[in-house]
Amino acid sequence: MPKQSAPQELAGIAPKLVEVTDEVLFGDVWERPGLSPRDRSLVTVSVLAALYRAEQLDYHLGVALDNGLSVEELSEAITHLAFYAGWPNAMTAITRLKRIADERGV
């Protein structure tokens, strides 16, 4: 998988945020050996869905697929969190997963 990075078009308005995102979040936290990228993706997608962070969810659903999670596994995680994080959050997440899976033909 290619190294993740913040959207570079944001550097003009928030250069430090882009720098910290690239160097600390993606350059350090995501690279730590304690969890695999696949596991980190599952945690990240679950939290973003639970907290209704839909804008970031799209990107990380794609990353999760790139990191080896299947559509079925992501669907199962989203179904599970519906009971803990709320039905509307899960429905939003599953709708976005379907769109991304359809776009990728998976």
C-alpha atoms as a PDB file:
ATOM      1  CA  MET A   1       0.000   0.000   0.000  1.00  0.00           C
ATOM      2  CA  PRO A   2       1.285   3.498  -0.792  1.00  0.00           C
ATOM      3  CA  LYS A   3       2.213   5.634   2.194  1.00  0.00           C
ATOM      4  CA  GLN A   4      -0.746   7.643   3.407  1.00  0.00           C
ATOM      5  CA  SER A   5      -0.598  11.408   3.490  1.00  0.00           C
ATOM      6  CA  ALA A   6      -2.795  14.386   4.149  1.00  0.00           C
ATOM      7  CA  PRO A   7      -4.428  16.028   1.138  1.00  0.00           C
ATOM      8  CA  GLN A   8      -1.645  18.256  -0.161  1.00  0.00           C
ATOM      9  CA  GLU A   9      -4.097  20.884  -1.389  1.00  0.00           C
ATOM     10  CA  LEU A  10      -4.657  21.737   2.287  1.00  0.00           C
ATOM     11  CA  ALA A  11      -1.010  22.726   2.757  1.00  0.00           C
ATOM     12  CA  GLY A  12      -1.715  26.219   1.453  1.00  0.00           C
ATOM     13  CA  ILE A  13      -4.174  26.944   4.244  1.00  0.00           C
ATOM     14  CA  ALA A  14      -2.921  24.636   7.006  1.00  0.00           C
ATOM     15  CA  PRO A  15       0.699  23.677   6.358  1.00  0.00           C
ATOM     16  CA  LYS A  16       1.404  22.608   9.940  1.00  0.00           C
ATOM     17  CA  LEU A  17      -1.679  20.369  10.050  1.00  0.00           C
ATOM     18  CA  VAL A  18      -0.567  18.643   6.845  1.00  0.00           C
ATOM     19  CA  GLU A  19       2.991  18.318   8.172  1.00  0.00           C
ATOM     20  CA  VAL A  20       1.882  16.830  11.509  1.00  0.00           C
ATOM     21  CA  THR A  21      -0.565  14.511   9.780  1.00  0.00           C
ATOM     22  CA  ASP A  22       2.126  13.197   7.459  1.00  0.00           C
ATOM     23  CA  GLU A  23       4.979  13.002   9.964  1.00  0.00           C
ATOM     24  CA  VAL A  24       3.250  12.064  13.221  1.00  0.00           C
ATOM     25  CA  LEU A  25      -0.001  10.311  12.314  1.00  0.00           C
ATOM     26  CA  PHE A  26       1.005   8.501   9.141  1.00  0.00           C
ATOM     27  CA  GLY A  27       4.778   8.548   9.614  1.00  0.00           C
ATOM     28  CA  ASP A  28       4.815   7.372  13.233  1.00  0.00           C
ATOM     29  CA  VAL A  29       1.495   6.215  14.687  1.00  0.00           C
ATOM     30  CA  TRP A  30       0.425   4.158  11.661  1.00  0.00           C
ATOM     31  CA  GLU A  31       3.915   2.653  11.416  1.00  0.00           C
ATOM     32  CA  ARG A  32       4.170   1.425  15.009  1.00  0.00           C
ATOM     33  CA  PRO A  33       4.703  -2.341  15.263  1.00  0.00           C
ATOM     34  CA  GLY A  34       2.043  -3.013  17.916  1.00  0.00           C
ATOM     35  CA  LEU A  35      -0.791  -3.397  15.398  1.00  0.00           C
ATOM     36  CA  SER A  36      -0.781  -4.366  11.754  1.00  0.00           C
ATOM     37  CA  PRO A  37      -2.017  -1.820   9.193  1.00  0.00           C
ATOM     38  CA  ARG A  38      -5.047  -4.092   8.736  1.00  0.00           C
ATOM     39  CA  ASP A  39      -5.877  -3.944  12.447  1.00  0.00           C
ATOM     40  CA  ARG A  40      -5.285  -0.189  12.563  1.00  0.00           C
ATOM     41  CA  SER A  41      -7.699   0.201   9.654  1.00  0.00           C
ATOM     42  CA  LEU A  42     -10.377  -1.826  11.420  1.00  0.00           C
ATOM     43  CA  VAL A  43     -10.023   0.306  14.555  1.00  0.00           C
ATOM     44  CA  THR A  44      -9.988   3.537  12.561  1.00  0.00           C
ATOM     45  CA  VAL A  45     -13.045   2.671  10.454  1.00  0.00           C
ATOM     46  CA  SER A  46     -14.941   1.572  13.558  1.00  0.00           C
ATOM     47  CA  VAL A  47     -14.188   4.781  15.441  1.00  0.00           C
ATOM     48  CA  LEU A  48     -14.948   7.029  12.482  1.00  0.00           C
ATOM     49  CA  ALA A  49     -18.262   5.247  11.913  1.00  0.00           C
ATOM     50  CA  ALA A  50     -19.140   5.313  15.619  1.00  0.00           C
ATOM     51  CA  LEU A  51     -18.387   9.027  15.896  1.00  0.00           C
ATOM     52  CA  TYR A  52     -20.155   9.832  12.605  1.00  0.00           C
ATOM     53  CA  ARG A  53     -17.036  11.239  10.970  1.00  0.00           C
ATOM     54  CA  ALA A  54     -18.341  10.476   7.497  1.00  0.00           C
ATOM     55  CA  GLU A  55     -15.963  12.744   5.576  1.00  0.00           C
ATOM     56  CA  GLN A  56     -12.888  10.900   6.876  1.00  0.00           C
ATOM     57  CA  LEU A  57     -14.678   7.533   6.760  1.00  0.00           C
ATOM     58  CA  ASP A  58     -14.679   7.365   2.958  1.00  0.00           C
ATOM     59  CA  TYR A  59     -10.911   7.665   2.768  1.00  0.00           C
ATOM     60  CA  HIS A  60     -10.315   5.130   5.521  1.00  0.00           C
ATOM     61  CA  LEU A  61     -12.750   2.583   4.095  1.00  0.00           C
ATOM     62  CA  GLY A  62     -10.585   2.628   0.968  1.00  0.00           C
ATOM     63  CA  VAL A  63      -7.434   2.307   3.056  1.00  0.00           C
ATOM     64  CA  ALA A  64      -9.015  -0.606   4.947  1.00  0.00           C
ATOM     65  CA  LEU A  65      -9.688  -2.432   1.687  1.00  0.00           C
ATOM     66  CA  ASP A  66      -6.127  -1.696   0.554  1.00  0.00           C
ATOM     67  CA  ASN A  67      -4.850  -3.039   3.903  1.00  0.00           C
ATOM     68  CA  GLY A  68      -6.526  -6.408   3.345  1.00  0.00           C
ATOM     69  CA  LEU A  69      -9.904  -6.103   5.011  1.00  0.00           C
ATOM     70  CA  SER A  70     -12.740  -7.501   2.922  1.00  0.00           C
ATOM     71  CA  VAL A  71     -16.074  -5.828   2.276  1.00  0.00           C
ATOM     72  CA  GLU A  72     -17.650  -8.660   4.280  1.00  0.00           C
ATOM     73  CA  GLU A  73     -15.397  -8.027   7.291  1.00  0.00           C
ATOM     74  CA  LEU A  74     -16.064  -4.295   7.204  1.00  0.00           C
ATOM     75  CA  SER A  75     -19.784  -4.946   6.855  1.00  0.00           C
ATOM     76  CA  GLU A  76     -19.686  -7.250   9.883  1.00  0.00           C
ATOM     77  CA  ALA A  77     -17.820  -4.648  11.952  1.00  0.00           C
ATOM     78  CA  ILE A  78     -20.313  -1.947  10.979  1.00  0.00           C
ATOM     79  CA  THR A  79     -23.245  -4.216  11.793  1.00  0.00           C
ATOM     80  CA  HIS A  80     -21.714  -4.980  15.176  1.00  0.00           C
ATOM     81  CA  LEU A  81     -21.148  -1.345  16.050  1.00  0.00           C
ATOM     82  CA  ALA A  82     -24.762  -0.426  15.186  1.00  0.00           C
ATOM     83  CA  PHE A  83     -25.759  -1.696  18.610  1.00  0.00           C
ATOM     84  CA  TYR A  84     -23.058   0.269  20.411  1.00  0.00           C
ATOM     85  CA  ALA A  85     -22.736   3.442  18.349  1.00  0.00           C
ATOM     86  CA  GLY A  86     -26.209   3.906  16.934  1.00  0.00           C
ATOM     87  CA  TRP A  87     -28.221   2.745  13.991  1.00  0.00           C
ATOM     88  CA  PRO A  88     -27.922   5.963  11.931  1.00  0.00           C
ATOM     89  CA  ASN A  89     -24.127   5.876  12.203  1.00  0.00           C
ATOM     90  CA  ALA A  90     -24.041   2.283  11.007  1.00  0.00           C
ATOM     91  CA  MET A  91     -26.445   2.947   8.147  1.00  0.00           C
ATOM     92  CA  THR A  92     -24.324   5.881   6.978  1.00  0.00           C
ATOM     93  CA  ALA A  93     -21.162   3.785   7.179  1.00  0.00           C
ATOM     94  CA  ILE A  94     -22.654   0.811   5.336  1.00  0.00           C
ATOM     95  CA  THR A  95     -24.026   3.073   2.607  1.00  0.00           C
ATOM     96  CA  ARG A  96     -20.567   4.559   2.110  1.00  0.00           C
ATOM     97  CA  LEU A  97     -18.954   1.106   2.132  1.00  0.00           C
ATOM     98  CA  LYS A  98     -21.371  -0.070  -0.560  1.00  0.00           C
ATOM     99  CA  ARG A  99     -20.585   2.939  -2.748  1.00  0.00           C
ATOM    100  CA  ILE A 100     -16.824   2.435  -2.381  1.00  0.00           C
ATOM    101  CA  ALA A 101     -17.109  -1.308  -2.999  1.00  0.00           C
ATOM    102  CA  ASP A 102     -19.232  -0.671  -6.092  1.00  0.00           C
ATOM    103  CA  GLU A 103     -16.727   1.906  -7.384  1.00  0.00           C
ATOM    104  CA  ARG A 104     -13.913  -0.626  -6.938  1.00  0.00           C
ATOM    105  CA  GLY A 105     -15.921  -3.514  -8.338  1.00  0.00           C
ATOM    106  CA  VAL A 106     -15.531  -5.638  -5.193  1.00  0.00           C
END
